[in-house]
C-alpha atoms as a PDB file:
ATOM      1  CA  PHE A   1     -10.758  -7.922   1.188  1.00  0.00           C
ATOM      2  CA  VAL A   2      -7.060  -8.119   2.121  1.00  0.00           C
ATOM      3  CA  ALA A   3      -4.568  -5.268   1.724  1.00  0.00           C
ATOM      4  CA  PHE A   4      -0.787  -5.596   1.865  1.00  0.00           C
ATOM      5  CA  GLU A   5       1.139  -2.629   3.212  1.00  0.00           C
ATOM      6  CA  GLY A   6       4.750  -1.798   3.956  1.00  0.00           C
ATOM      7  CA  GLY A   7       7.660   0.199   2.662  1.00  0.00           C
ATOM      8  CA  GLU A   8       9.621  -0.282  -0.534  1.00  0.00           C
ATOM      9  CA  GLY A   9      11.169  -3.729  -0.972  1.00  0.00           C
ATOM     10  CA  THR A  10       9.189  -5.511   1.747  1.00  0.00           C
ATOM     11  CA  GLY A  11       7.688  -8.099  -0.603  1.00  0.00           C
ATOM     12  CA  LYS A  12       4.144  -6.755  -0.907  1.00  0.00           C
ATOM     13  CA  SER A  13       3.847  -7.318  -4.648  1.00  0.00           C
ATOM     14  CA  THR A  14       5.139 -10.883  -4.529  1.00  0.00           C
ATOM     15  CA  GLN A  15       3.239 -11.917  -1.414  1.00  0.00           C
ATOM     16  CA  SER A  16      -0.052 -10.290  -2.412  1.00  0.00           C
ATOM     17  CA  ARG A  17       0.116 -12.066  -5.780  1.00  0.00           C
ATOM     18  CA  LEU A  18       0.888 -15.424  -4.163  1.00  0.00           C
ATOM     19  CA  LEU A  19      -1.957 -15.055  -1.672  1.00  0.00           C
ATOM     20  CA  ALA A  20      -4.407 -14.062  -4.408  1.00  0.00           C
ATOM     21  CA  GLU A  21      -3.386 -17.114  -6.438  1.00  0.00           C
ATOM     22  CA  ALA A  22      -3.816 -19.395  -3.408  1.00  0.00           C
ATOM     23  CA  LEU A  23      -7.267 -17.970  -2.646  1.00  0.00           C
ATOM     24  CA  GLY A  24      -8.437 -17.668  -6.248  1.00  0.00           C
ATOM     25  CA  ALA A  25      -8.900 -13.969  -5.497  1.00  0.00           C
ATOM     26  CA  VAL A  26      -8.725 -10.876  -7.680  1.00  0.00           C
ATOM     27  CA  HIS A  27      -5.225  -9.417  -7.394  1.00  0.00           C
ATOM     28  CA  THR A  28      -4.797  -5.684  -7.832  1.00  0.00           C
ATOM     29  CA  HIS A  29      -2.534  -2.818  -6.764  1.00  0.00           C
ATOM     30  CA  GLU A  30      -2.287   0.895  -6.026  1.00  0.00           C
ATOM     31  CA  PRO A  31      -1.474   3.235  -7.493  1.00  0.00           C
ATOM     32  CA  GLY A  32      -2.367   2.251 -11.040  1.00  0.00           C
ATOM     33  CA  GLY A  33      -4.860  -0.612 -10.609  1.00  0.00           C
ATOM     34  CA  SER A  34      -7.167   0.827 -13.287  1.00  0.00           C
ATOM     35  CA  PRO A  35      -6.492   2.432 -16.679  1.00  0.00           C
ATOM     36  CA  ILE A  36      -7.082   5.928 -15.274  1.00  0.00           C
ATOM     37  CA  GLY A  37      -5.053   4.983 -12.198  1.00  0.00           C
ATOM     38  CA  ALA A  38      -2.132   3.957 -14.405  1.00  0.00           C
ATOM     39  CA  ARG A  39      -2.044   7.485 -15.816  1.00  0.00           C
ATOM     40  CA  ILE A  40      -2.194   8.973 -12.309  1.00  0.00           C
ATOM     41  CA  ARG A  41       0.595   6.634 -11.172  1.00  0.00           C
ATOM     42  CA  GLN A  42       2.798   7.927 -13.962  1.00  0.00           C
ATOM     43  CA  ILE A  43       2.221  11.529 -12.873  1.00  0.00           C
ATOM     44  CA  VAL A  44       2.943  10.792  -9.203  1.00  0.00           C
ATOM     45  CA  LEU A  45       5.976   8.548  -9.598  1.00  0.00           C
ATOM     46  CA  GLU A  46       7.663  10.274 -12.519  1.00  0.00           C
ATOM     47  CA  ALA A  47       7.184  13.898 -11.440  1.00  0.00           C
ATOM     48  CA  ASP A  48      10.303  15.918 -10.821  1.00  0.00           C
ATOM     49  CA  ASP A  49      11.200  15.955  -7.128  1.00  0.00           C
ATOM     50  CA  ASN A  50      10.238  19.633  -6.902  1.00  0.00           C
ATOM     51  CA  GLY A  51       7.336  19.505  -9.335  1.00  0.00           C
ATOM     52  CA  LEU A  52       4.511  18.025  -7.262  1.00  0.00           C
ATOM     53  CA  ASP A  53       3.105  19.649  -4.144  1.00  0.00           C
ATOM     54  CA  ASP A  54       2.556  17.274  -1.207  1.00  0.00           C
ATOM     55  CA  ARG A  55      -1.175  18.050  -1.109  1.00  0.00           C
ATOM     56  CA  ALA A  56      -1.454  17.502  -4.852  1.00  0.00           C
ATOM     57  CA  GLU A  57       0.271  14.139  -4.357  1.00  0.00           C
ATOM     58  CA  ALA A  58      -2.292  13.178  -1.678  1.00  0.00           C
ATOM     59  CA  LEU A  59      -5.179  14.260  -3.910  1.00  0.00           C
ATOM     60  CA  LEU A  60      -3.839  12.295  -6.877  1.00  0.00           C
ATOM     61  CA  MET A  61      -3.466   9.177  -4.721  1.00  0.00           C
ATOM     62  CA  ALA A  62      -7.049   9.606  -3.502  1.00  0.00           C
ATOM     63  CA  ALA A  63      -8.251  10.032  -7.103  1.00  0.00           C
ATOM     64  CA  ASP A  64      -6.448   6.844  -8.080  1.00  0.00           C
ATOM     65  CA  ARG A  65      -8.017   5.042  -5.124  1.00  0.00           C
ATOM     66  CA  ALA A  66     -11.534   6.273  -5.926  1.00  0.00           C
ATOM     67  CA  GLN A  67     -11.235   4.959  -9.484  1.00  0.00           C
ATOM     68  CA  HIS A  68      -9.627   1.712  -8.308  1.00  0.00           C
ATOM     69  CA  VAL A  69     -12.421   0.988  -5.841  1.00  0.00           C
ATOM     70  CA  ALA A  70     -15.175   1.944  -8.303  1.00  0.00           C
ATOM     71  CA  GLU A  71     -13.735   0.017 -11.226  1.00  0.00           C
ATOM     72  CA  VAL A  72     -11.999  -3.004  -9.663  1.00  0.00           C
ATOM     73  CA  VAL A  73     -12.514  -3.594  -5.937  1.00  0.00           C
ATOM     74  CA  ARG A  74     -16.244  -2.998  -5.369  1.00  0.00           C
ATOM     75  CA  PRO A  75     -17.373  -4.860  -8.511  1.00  0.00           C
ATOM     76  CA  ALA A  76     -15.246  -7.883  -7.535  1.00  0.00           C
ATOM     77  CA  LEU A  77     -16.555  -7.880  -3.955  1.00  0.00           C
ATOM     78  CA  ALA A  78     -20.145  -7.446  -5.215  1.00  0.00           C
ATOM     79  CA  ALA A  79     -19.628 -10.497  -7.444  1.00  0.00           C
ATOM     80  CA  GLY A  80     -18.622 -12.537  -4.387  1.00  0.00           C
ATOM     81  CA  ARG A  81     -14.898 -12.568  -5.151  1.00  0.00           C
ATOM     82  CA  ASP A  82     -12.136 -12.096  -2.619  1.00  0.00           C
ATOM     83  CA  VAL A  83      -9.800  -9.189  -3.393  1.00  0.00           C
ATOM     84  CA  VAL A  84      -6.120  -8.893  -2.487  1.00  0.00           C
ATOM     85  CA  THR A  85      -4.476  -5.528  -3.110  1.00  0.00           C
ATOM     86  CA  ASP A  86      -0.843  -4.477  -3.070  1.00  0.00           C
ATOM     87  CA  ARG A  87      -1.299  -1.168  -1.160  1.00  0.00           C
ATOM     88  CA  TYR A  88      -4.465   0.637  -0.180  1.00  0.00           C
ATOM     89  CA  LEU A  89      -5.447   3.758   1.743  1.00  0.00           C
ATOM     90  CA  TYR A  90      -2.950   3.127   4.553  1.00  0.00           C
ATOM     91  CA  SER A  91      -0.122   3.839   2.129  1.00  0.00           C
ATOM     92  CA  SER A  92      -1.489   7.365   1.795  1.00  0.00           C
ATOM     93  CA  LEU A  93      -1.597   7.710   5.567  1.00  0.00           C
ATOM     94  CA  ALA A  94       2.000   6.491   5.867  1.00  0.00           C
ATOM     95  CA  TYR A  95       3.516   8.226   2.827  1.00  0.00           C
ATOM     96  CA  GLN A  96       1.606  11.495   2.562  1.00  0.00           C
ATOM     97  CA  GLY A  97       0.678  11.707   6.260  1.00  0.00           C
ATOM     98  CA  TYR A  98       3.657  10.483   8.257  1.00  0.00           C
ATOM     99  CA  GLY A  99       6.235  10.804   5.452  1.00  0.00           C
ATOM    100  CA  ARG A 100       5.252  14.155   3.921  1.00  0.00           C
ATOM    101  CA  GLY A 101       4.013  15.617   7.185  1.00  0.00           C
ATOM    102  CA  LEU A 102       0.410  16.197   6.141  1.00  0.00           C
ATOM    103  CA  ARG A 103      -2.241  15.783   8.819  1.00  0.00           C
ATOM    104  CA  VAL A 104      -2.917  12.038   9.001  1.00  0.00           C
ATOM    105  CA  GLU A 105      -6.587  12.481   9.919  1.00  0.00           C
ATOM    106  CA  GLU A 106      -7.159  14.755   6.922  1.00  0.00           C
ATOM    107  CA  VAL A 107      -5.518  12.219   4.600  1.00  0.00           C
ATOM    108  CA  ARG A 108      -7.633   9.463   6.216  1.00  0.00           C
ATOM    109  CA  SER A 109     -10.844  11.453   5.701  1.00  0.00           C
ATOM    110  CA  LEU A 110      -9.932  12.101   2.071  1.00  0.00           C
ATOM    111  CA  SER A 111      -9.192   8.415   1.433  1.00  0.00           C
ATOM    112  CA  LEU A 112     -12.348   7.220   3.172  1.00  0.00           C
ATOM    113  CA  TRP A 113     -14.375   9.732   1.164  1.00  0.00           C
ATOM    114  CA  ALA A 114     -12.732   8.467  -2.044  1.00  0.00           C
ATOM    115  CA  THR A 115     -13.634   4.844  -1.222  1.00  0.00           C
ATOM    116  CA  HIS A 116     -17.112   5.464   0.219  1.00  0.00           C
ATOM    117  CA  GLY A 117     -15.685   4.208   3.516  1.00  0.00           C
ATOM    118  CA  LEU A 118     -14.482   0.830   2.212  1.00  0.00           C
ATOM    119  CA  GLU A 119     -11.783  -0.650   4.412  1.00  0.00           C
ATOM    120  CA  PRO A 120     -10.237  -4.110   4.104  1.00  0.00           C
ATOM    121  CA  ASP A 121     -11.085  -6.981   6.415  1.00  0.00           C
ATOM    122  CA  LEU A 122      -7.378  -7.593   6.983  1.00  0.00           C
ATOM    123  CA  VAL A 123      -4.236  -5.531   6.475  1.00  0.00           C
ATOM    124  CA  VAL A 124      -0.945  -7.436   6.268  1.00  0.00           C
ATOM    125  CA  LEU A 125       2.031  -5.246   7.156  1.00  0.00           C
ATOM    126  CA  LEU A 126       5.275  -6.737   5.872  1.00  0.00           C
ATOM    127  CA  GLU A 127       8.344  -5.435   7.683  1.00  0.00           C
ATOM    128  CA  VAL A 128      11.914  -5.835   6.465  1.00  0.00           C
ATOM    129  CA  ASP A 129      15.221  -4.416   7.654  1.00  0.00           C
ATOM    130  CA  PRO A 130      15.886  -1.227   5.640  1.00  0.00           C
ATOM    131  CA  ALA A 131      19.244  -2.545   4.374  1.00  0.00           C
ATOM    132  CA  GLU A 132      17.594  -5.708   3.047  1.00  0.00           C
ATOM    133  CA  ALA A 133      14.820  -3.646   1.455  1.00  0.00           C
ATOM    134  CA  ARG A 134      17.408  -1.516  -0.390  1.00  0.00           C
ATOM    135  CA  VAL A 135      19.079  -4.662  -1.721  1.00  0.00           C
ATOM    136  CA  ARG A 136      15.722  -6.010  -2.890  1.00  0.00           C
ATOM    137  CA  THR A 137      14.787  -2.844  -4.768  1.00  0.00           C
ATOM    138  CA  GLY A 138      18.234  -2.295  -6.226  1.00  0.00           C
ATOM    139  CA  GLY A 139      18.199   1.332  -5.117  1.00  0.00           C
ATOM    140  CA  ALA A 140      15.935   4.274  -5.839  1.00  0.00           C
ATOM    141  CA  ARG A 141      14.029   4.221  -9.111  1.00  0.00           C
ATOM    142  CA  ASP A 142      11.002   6.535  -8.821  1.00  0.00           C
ATOM    143  CA  ARG A 143      10.433   9.792  -6.950  1.00  0.00           C
ATOM    144  CA  LEU A 144       8.993   8.114  -3.836  1.00  0.00           C
ATOM    145  CA  GLU A 145      11.824   5.595  -3.646  1.00  0.00           C
ATOM    146  CA  LYS A 146      14.309   8.495  -3.953  1.00  0.00           C
ATOM    147  CA  ALA A 147      12.739  10.449  -1.070  1.00  0.00           C
ATOM    148  CA  GLY A 148      15.576   9.609   1.344  1.00  0.00           C
ATOM    149  CA  GLU A 149      16.186   7.603   4.496  1.00  0.00           C
ATOM    150  CA  GLU A 150      14.514  10.077   6.866  1.00  0.00           C
ATOM    151  CA  PHE A 151      11.334  10.016   4.772  1.00  0.00           C
ATOM    152  CA  HIS A 152      11.287   6.209   4.603  1.00  0.00           C
ATOM    153  CA  ALA A 153      11.946   5.915   8.347  1.00  0.00           C
ATOM    154  CA  ALA A 154       8.920   8.174   8.977  1.00  0.00           C
ATOM    155  CA  VAL A 155       6.828   6.037   6.599  1.00  0.00           C
ATOM    156  CA  ALA A 156       7.877   2.825   8.386  1.00  0.00           C
ATOM    157  CA  ALA A 157       7.089   4.362  11.782  1.00  0.00           C
ATOM    158  CA  GLY A 158       3.735   5.465  10.373  1.00  0.00           C
ATOM    159  CA  PHE A 159       2.848   1.943   9.299  1.00  0.00           C
ATOM    160  CA  VAL A 160       3.715   0.631  12.775  1.00  0.00           C
ATOM    161  CA  ALA A 161       1.575   3.331  14.429  1.00  0.00           C
ATOM    162  CA  LEU A 162      -1.341   2.493  12.143  1.00  0.00           C
ATOM    163  CA  ALA A 163      -1.035  -1.223  12.882  1.00  0.00           C
ATOM    164  CA  GLU A 164      -0.829  -0.630  16.621  1.00  0.00           C
ATOM    165  CA  SER A 165      -3.883   1.637  16.554  1.00  0.00           C
ATOM    166  CA  ASP A 166      -6.105  -1.030  14.925  1.00  0.00           C
ATOM    167  CA  PRO A 167      -4.845  -4.490  15.985  1.00  0.00           C
ATOM    168  CA  GLY A 168      -8.158  -6.122  15.100  1.00  0.00           C
ATOM    169  CA  ARG A 169      -7.615  -5.306  11.419  1.00  0.00           C
ATOM    170  CA  TRP A 170      -3.808  -5.449  11.105  1.00  0.00           C
ATOM    171  CA  VAL A 171      -1.243  -8.210  11.359  1.00  0.00           C
ATOM    172  CA  ARG A 172       2.474  -7.396  11.387  1.00  0.00           C
ATOM    173  CA  LEU A 173       4.725  -9.989   9.735  1.00  0.00           C
ATOM    174  CA  ASP A 174       8.446 -10.387   9.268  1.00  0.00           C
ATOM    175  CA  GLY A 175       9.032 -10.035   5.534  1.00  0.00           C
ATOM    176  CA  GLY A 176      12.585 -11.357   5.771  1.00  0.00           C
ATOM    177  CA  GLY A 177      13.652 -14.762   4.511  1.00  0.00           C
ATOM    178  CA  THR A 178      12.798 -16.696   1.395  1.00  0.00           C
ATOM    179  CA  VAL A 179       9.652 -16.085  -0.627  1.00  0.00           C
ATOM    180  CA  ALA A 180       8.325 -19.465   0.555  1.00  0.00           C
ATOM    181  CA  GLU A 181       9.015 -18.679   4.227  1.00  0.00           C
ATOM    182  CA  VAL A 182       7.219 -15.334   4.041  1.00  0.00           C
ATOM    183  CA  SER A 183       4.363 -16.895   2.084  1.00  0.00           C
ATOM    184  CA  ALA A 184       3.894 -19.498   4.819  1.00  0.00           C
ATOM    185  CA  ARG A 185       3.714 -16.721   7.434  1.00  0.00           C
ATOM    186  CA  VAL A 186       1.187 -14.818   5.321  1.00  0.00           C
ATOM    187  CA  ARG A 187      -1.053 -17.848   4.774  1.00  0.00           C
ATOM    188  CA  ALA A 188      -0.985 -18.720   8.475  1.00  0.00           C
ATOM    189  CA  ALA A 189      -1.928 -15.159   9.435  1.00  0.00           C
ATOM    190  CA  VAL A 190      -4.735 -14.995   6.872  1.00  0.00           C
ATOM    191  CA  ALA A 191      -6.077 -18.374   7.982  1.00  0.00           C
END
């Protein structure tokens, strides 16, 4: 079970898909990796900037994750398949914890409860210069992407703190360069 984490525009979607293809693994994503999750994703990402309380956002992300694990991740793992996900519970820790200022340990407990304690074997943190990330995304599109530079700096710092606190599970990779260059780094780290 491999999870890709990082801020907006770091290449998680592309690199998680490429790794899943190379491994013959199930590729999935959060939020929205299940039919119910897709509805939750719409609520979270399309809500008016002032319309969703930070705690409600954390609870919705945990609900999405609970459904995702129950419907996609656990069944695939139980069937002997590898799973590669674009985002997992660490995004909640970084975005709702470090970014929104909620207590990180409370968000962690909520996410672990939602997943029955399931954590990935490996977390790949892709890091990209913020200016390059903005170019890649083409600017803000949803309410999280529009949260501002201070918010995204806190999220990035949160991901680094999480990686440094669990080096046996995390690998930090430079997400800059061509898709092929980053893919080679990812495959080497996973191997």
